[in-house]
N, C-alpha and C. Protein backbone atom coordinates (compact mmCIF):
# COMPACT_ATOMS: atom_id res chain seq x y z
N MET A 1 108.40 -12.57 181.92
CA MET A 1 107.08 -12.96 181.48
C MET A 1 106.47 -11.83 180.66
N ASN A 2 105.62 -12.17 179.75
CA ASN A 2 104.96 -11.19 178.90
C ASN A 2 104.00 -10.34 179.73
N SER A 3 103.96 -9.04 179.46
CA SER A 3 103.11 -8.16 180.26
C SER A 3 101.62 -8.44 180.04
N ALA A 4 101.23 -8.85 178.83
CA ALA A 4 99.83 -9.18 178.57
C ALA A 4 99.43 -10.44 179.34
N LEU A 5 100.33 -11.41 179.38
CA LEU A 5 100.05 -12.64 180.12
C LEU A 5 99.97 -12.36 181.62
N THR A 6 100.86 -11.54 182.12
CA THR A 6 100.84 -11.17 183.54
C THR A 6 99.54 -10.46 183.89
N ARG A 7 99.10 -9.59 183.02
CA ARG A 7 97.84 -8.86 183.24
C ARG A 7 96.66 -9.83 183.29
N LYS A 8 96.63 -10.79 182.38
CA LYS A 8 95.54 -11.77 182.35
C LYS A 8 95.54 -12.64 183.60
N ILE A 9 96.72 -13.03 184.04
CA ILE A 9 96.82 -13.84 185.25
C ILE A 9 96.35 -13.05 186.47
N LEU A 10 96.73 -11.79 186.57
CA LEU A 10 96.29 -10.95 187.69
C LEU A 10 94.78 -10.73 187.66
N ILE A 11 94.21 -10.54 186.48
CA ILE A 11 92.76 -10.38 186.38
C ILE A 11 92.05 -11.66 186.81
N THR A 12 92.59 -12.81 186.40
CA THR A 12 92.00 -14.09 186.80
C THR A 12 92.05 -14.27 188.31
N PHE A 13 93.18 -13.97 188.92
CA PHE A 13 93.28 -14.06 190.38
C PHE A 13 92.35 -13.05 191.06
N GLY A 14 92.17 -11.89 190.47
CA GLY A 14 91.24 -10.90 191.02
C GLY A 14 89.81 -11.41 191.01
N PHE A 15 89.40 -12.03 189.90
CA PHE A 15 88.05 -12.60 189.84
C PHE A 15 87.88 -13.75 190.83
N LEU A 16 88.89 -14.59 190.96
CA LEU A 16 88.81 -15.69 191.92
C LEU A 16 88.72 -15.16 193.35
N PHE A 17 89.49 -14.13 193.65
CA PHE A 17 89.44 -13.52 194.98
C PHE A 17 88.05 -12.93 195.26
N ALA A 18 87.50 -12.21 194.28
CA ALA A 18 86.16 -11.62 194.45
C ALA A 18 85.11 -12.71 194.64
N TYR A 19 85.22 -13.81 193.90
CA TYR A 19 84.28 -14.91 194.05
C TYR A 19 84.35 -15.50 195.44
N ARG A 20 85.55 -15.72 195.94
CA ARG A 20 85.69 -16.32 197.27
C ARG A 20 85.21 -15.38 198.37
N VAL A 21 85.43 -14.08 198.22
CA VAL A 21 84.94 -13.13 199.22
C VAL A 21 83.42 -13.09 199.20
N LEU A 22 82.82 -13.01 198.01
CA LEU A 22 81.36 -12.94 197.91
C LEU A 22 80.69 -14.25 198.30
N ALA A 23 81.42 -15.35 198.31
CA ALA A 23 80.85 -16.63 198.74
C ALA A 23 80.57 -16.64 200.24
N PHE A 24 81.12 -15.68 200.98
CA PHE A 24 80.87 -15.61 202.41
C PHE A 24 79.89 -14.51 202.79
N VAL A 25 79.35 -13.76 201.82
CA VAL A 25 78.37 -12.71 202.10
C VAL A 25 76.98 -13.33 201.98
N PRO A 26 76.24 -13.41 203.10
CA PRO A 26 74.93 -14.08 203.04
C PRO A 26 73.85 -13.21 202.40
N VAL A 27 72.84 -13.88 201.87
CA VAL A 27 71.68 -13.19 201.32
C VAL A 27 70.88 -12.64 202.49
N ALA A 28 70.38 -11.41 202.36
CA ALA A 28 69.62 -10.78 203.45
C ALA A 28 68.28 -11.48 203.64
N GLY A 29 67.88 -11.64 204.88
CA GLY A 29 66.57 -12.19 205.20
C GLY A 29 66.50 -13.71 205.24
N VAL A 30 67.63 -14.39 205.16
CA VAL A 30 67.64 -15.85 205.18
C VAL A 30 68.25 -16.31 206.50
N ASP A 31 67.55 -17.23 207.17
CA ASP A 31 68.06 -17.79 208.41
C ASP A 31 69.09 -18.87 208.06
N THR A 32 70.35 -18.53 208.21
CA THR A 32 71.41 -19.44 207.77
C THR A 32 71.50 -20.70 208.62
N SER A 33 71.05 -20.64 209.88
CA SER A 33 71.12 -21.84 210.72
C SER A 33 70.14 -22.91 210.22
N VAL A 34 68.98 -22.49 209.73
CA VAL A 34 68.00 -23.44 209.18
C VAL A 34 68.55 -24.07 207.90
N ILE A 35 69.15 -23.25 207.06
CA ILE A 35 69.72 -23.77 205.81
C ILE A 35 70.87 -24.73 206.11
N ALA A 36 71.71 -24.38 207.07
CA ALA A 36 72.84 -25.24 207.43
C ALA A 36 72.36 -26.57 207.98
N SER A 37 71.33 -26.56 208.82
CA SER A 37 70.81 -27.83 209.36
C SER A 37 70.16 -28.67 208.25
N PHE A 38 69.52 -28.01 207.29
CA PHE A 38 68.95 -28.75 206.16
C PHE A 38 70.04 -29.43 205.35
N PHE A 39 71.12 -28.72 205.09
CA PHE A 39 72.21 -29.31 204.31
C PHE A 39 72.95 -30.38 205.10
N ASP A 40 72.99 -30.26 206.42
CA ASP A 40 73.61 -31.32 207.23
C ASP A 40 72.79 -32.60 207.13
N ALA A 41 71.46 -32.46 207.09
CA ALA A 41 70.58 -33.63 207.02
C ALA A 41 70.55 -34.24 205.62
N HIS A 42 70.70 -33.42 204.59
CA HIS A 42 70.57 -33.89 203.21
C HIS A 42 71.86 -33.67 202.42
N SER A 43 72.99 -33.96 203.02
CA SER A 43 74.26 -33.65 202.36
C SER A 43 74.66 -34.67 201.30
N ASN A 44 74.05 -35.85 201.31
CA ASN A 44 74.41 -36.82 200.28
C ASN A 44 73.50 -36.64 199.06
N GLY A 45 73.97 -37.09 197.93
CA GLY A 45 73.18 -36.99 196.71
C GLY A 45 73.57 -35.77 195.88
N MET A 46 72.66 -35.40 194.99
CA MET A 46 72.93 -34.31 194.04
C MET A 46 73.05 -32.96 194.73
N LEU A 47 72.26 -32.74 195.78
CA LEU A 47 72.32 -31.47 196.49
C LEU A 47 73.69 -31.27 197.14
N GLY A 48 74.19 -32.32 197.75
CA GLY A 48 75.52 -32.25 198.35
C GLY A 48 76.62 -32.05 197.32
N MET A 49 76.44 -32.68 196.16
CA MET A 49 77.42 -32.53 195.08
C MET A 49 77.42 -31.10 194.55
N ALA A 50 76.23 -30.53 194.34
CA ALA A 50 76.14 -29.15 193.86
C ALA A 50 76.73 -28.19 194.88
N ASN A 51 76.48 -28.45 196.16
CA ASN A 51 77.03 -27.60 197.22
C ASN A 51 78.55 -27.70 197.25
N MET A 52 79.07 -28.89 197.04
CA MET A 52 80.52 -29.07 197.05
C MET A 52 81.17 -28.31 195.89
N PHE A 53 80.57 -28.39 194.70
CA PHE A 53 81.15 -27.71 193.54
C PHE A 53 81.03 -26.20 193.64
N SER A 54 80.09 -25.71 194.43
CA SER A 54 79.96 -24.26 194.59
C SER A 54 80.85 -23.74 195.72
N GLY A 55 81.62 -24.61 196.34
CA GLY A 55 82.47 -24.19 197.45
C GLY A 55 81.66 -23.90 198.70
N ASN A 56 80.60 -24.66 198.91
CA ASN A 56 79.65 -24.52 200.03
C ASN A 56 78.92 -23.19 200.01
N ALA A 57 78.87 -22.52 198.87
CA ALA A 57 78.15 -21.25 198.77
C ALA A 57 76.65 -21.45 198.88
N ILE A 58 76.15 -22.60 198.45
CA ILE A 58 74.71 -22.86 198.53
C ILE A 58 74.29 -23.06 199.97
N SER A 59 75.05 -23.83 200.73
CA SER A 59 74.66 -24.09 202.13
C SER A 59 74.80 -22.84 202.99
N ARG A 60 75.65 -21.90 202.60
CA ARG A 60 75.77 -20.63 203.32
C ARG A 60 74.78 -19.60 202.81
N MET A 61 74.05 -19.92 201.72
CA MET A 61 73.11 -18.99 201.07
C MET A 61 73.79 -17.65 200.82
N SER A 62 74.89 -17.71 200.10
CA SER A 62 75.64 -16.49 199.81
C SER A 62 75.10 -15.83 198.55
N ILE A 63 75.60 -14.63 198.28
CA ILE A 63 75.20 -13.89 197.09
C ILE A 63 75.58 -14.66 195.83
N ILE A 64 76.69 -15.36 195.86
CA ILE A 64 77.15 -16.13 194.71
C ILE A 64 76.20 -17.27 194.41
N SER A 65 75.55 -17.84 195.42
CA SER A 65 74.65 -18.97 195.18
C SER A 65 73.42 -18.57 194.40
N LEU A 66 73.13 -17.27 194.33
CA LEU A 66 71.99 -16.82 193.54
C LEU A 66 72.22 -17.04 192.06
N GLY A 67 73.46 -17.00 191.64
CA GLY A 67 73.77 -17.23 190.23
C GLY A 67 73.28 -16.11 189.34
N ILE A 68 72.72 -16.47 188.22
CA ILE A 68 72.30 -15.49 187.23
C ILE A 68 70.82 -15.13 187.37
N MET A 69 70.12 -15.74 188.30
CA MET A 69 68.67 -15.52 188.43
C MET A 69 68.30 -14.06 188.71
N PRO A 70 68.99 -13.30 189.55
CA PRO A 70 68.61 -11.90 189.73
C PRO A 70 68.72 -11.09 188.44
N TYR A 71 69.71 -11.38 187.63
CA TYR A 71 69.86 -10.67 186.35
C TYR A 71 68.71 -11.00 185.42
N ILE A 72 68.34 -12.27 185.34
CA ILE A 72 67.24 -12.68 184.47
C ILE A 72 65.93 -12.06 184.94
N THR A 73 65.69 -12.06 186.24
CA THR A 73 64.47 -11.47 186.78
C THR A 73 64.41 -9.98 186.50
N ALA A 74 65.51 -9.27 186.70
CA ALA A 74 65.54 -7.83 186.43
C ALA A 74 65.33 -7.55 184.95
N SER A 75 65.87 -8.39 184.09
CA SER A 75 65.69 -8.22 182.66
C SER A 75 64.22 -8.40 182.26
N ILE A 76 63.56 -9.40 182.83
CA ILE A 76 62.14 -9.62 182.55
C ILE A 76 61.30 -8.47 183.05
N VAL A 77 61.60 -7.98 184.25
CA VAL A 77 60.84 -6.85 184.81
C VAL A 77 61.01 -5.61 183.95
N MET A 78 62.22 -5.34 183.49
CA MET A 78 62.45 -4.17 182.65
C MET A 78 61.74 -4.30 181.30
N GLU A 79 61.68 -5.50 180.74
CA GLU A 79 60.95 -5.70 179.49
C GLU A 79 59.46 -5.44 179.69
N LEU A 80 58.92 -5.91 180.81
CA LEU A 80 57.50 -5.68 181.10
C LEU A 80 57.22 -4.20 181.34
N LEU A 81 58.12 -3.53 182.05
CA LEU A 81 57.94 -2.09 182.29
C LEU A 81 58.05 -1.30 181.00
N ALA A 82 58.95 -1.71 180.12
CA ALA A 82 59.10 -1.02 178.83
C ALA A 82 57.86 -1.19 177.97
N ALA A 83 57.22 -2.34 178.07
CA ALA A 83 55.99 -2.57 177.31
C ALA A 83 54.81 -1.83 177.91
N THR A 84 54.85 -1.60 179.22
CA THR A 84 53.73 -0.95 179.91
C THR A 84 53.83 0.56 179.88
N PHE A 85 55.00 1.10 180.14
CA PHE A 85 55.19 2.54 180.22
C PHE A 85 55.96 3.03 178.99
N PRO A 86 55.37 3.92 178.20
CA PRO A 86 56.03 4.39 176.98
C PRO A 86 57.36 5.12 177.23
N ALA A 87 57.47 5.82 178.35
CA ALA A 87 58.71 6.55 178.63
C ALA A 87 59.89 5.59 178.81
N ILE A 88 59.66 4.49 179.49
CA ILE A 88 60.72 3.50 179.69
C ILE A 88 61.04 2.81 178.37
N GLY A 89 60.00 2.56 177.56
CA GLY A 89 60.23 1.97 176.24
C GLY A 89 61.04 2.88 175.35
N GLN A 90 60.79 4.19 175.45
CA GLN A 90 61.56 5.15 174.65
C GLN A 90 63.02 5.21 175.12
N MET A 91 63.23 5.16 176.44
CA MET A 91 64.60 5.14 176.96
C MET A 91 65.35 3.91 176.48
N LYS A 92 64.63 2.80 176.38
CA LYS A 92 65.25 1.56 175.93
C LYS A 92 65.69 1.67 174.46
N LYS A 93 64.90 2.37 173.67
CA LYS A 93 65.21 2.50 172.24
C LYS A 93 66.33 3.49 171.98
N GLU A 94 66.44 4.52 172.82
CA GLU A 94 67.47 5.54 172.64
C GLU A 94 68.81 5.06 173.15
N ARG A 95 69.84 5.45 172.48
CA ARG A 95 71.19 5.07 172.91
C ARG A 95 71.59 5.81 174.19
N ASP A 96 71.20 7.09 174.31
CA ASP A 96 71.54 7.87 175.50
C ASP A 96 70.74 7.42 176.71
N GLY A 97 69.57 6.86 176.52
CA GLY A 97 68.74 6.44 177.64
C GLY A 97 69.34 5.31 178.43
N MET A 98 70.18 4.51 177.80
CA MET A 98 70.80 3.39 178.49
C MET A 98 71.91 3.83 179.43
N GLN A 99 72.41 5.03 179.25
CA GLN A 99 73.53 5.50 180.05
C GLN A 99 73.08 6.32 181.24
N LYS A 100 71.80 6.59 181.37
CA LYS A 100 71.31 7.41 182.47
C LYS A 100 71.03 6.59 183.68
């Protein structure tokens, strides 16, 4: 087999493994028994379908179920901080400031 293809396959399996491991890490501060009972009661319909496609990550309230929302929230907060504080705005404009 080609070494580049083997490398790509191994990287893909690595990402799949990381996804499955993180699907079992719960979000801090969430009572998982309440969430599980809610999903048991409302498992049919769109919510059940979304939970099934996520590999039950939503019903376990795992880190993976958060999706991209923490990144978007952090990006918005940093934009607001850069507009409010000139030092953060300057770091954003400088190339070296992004690496600190």
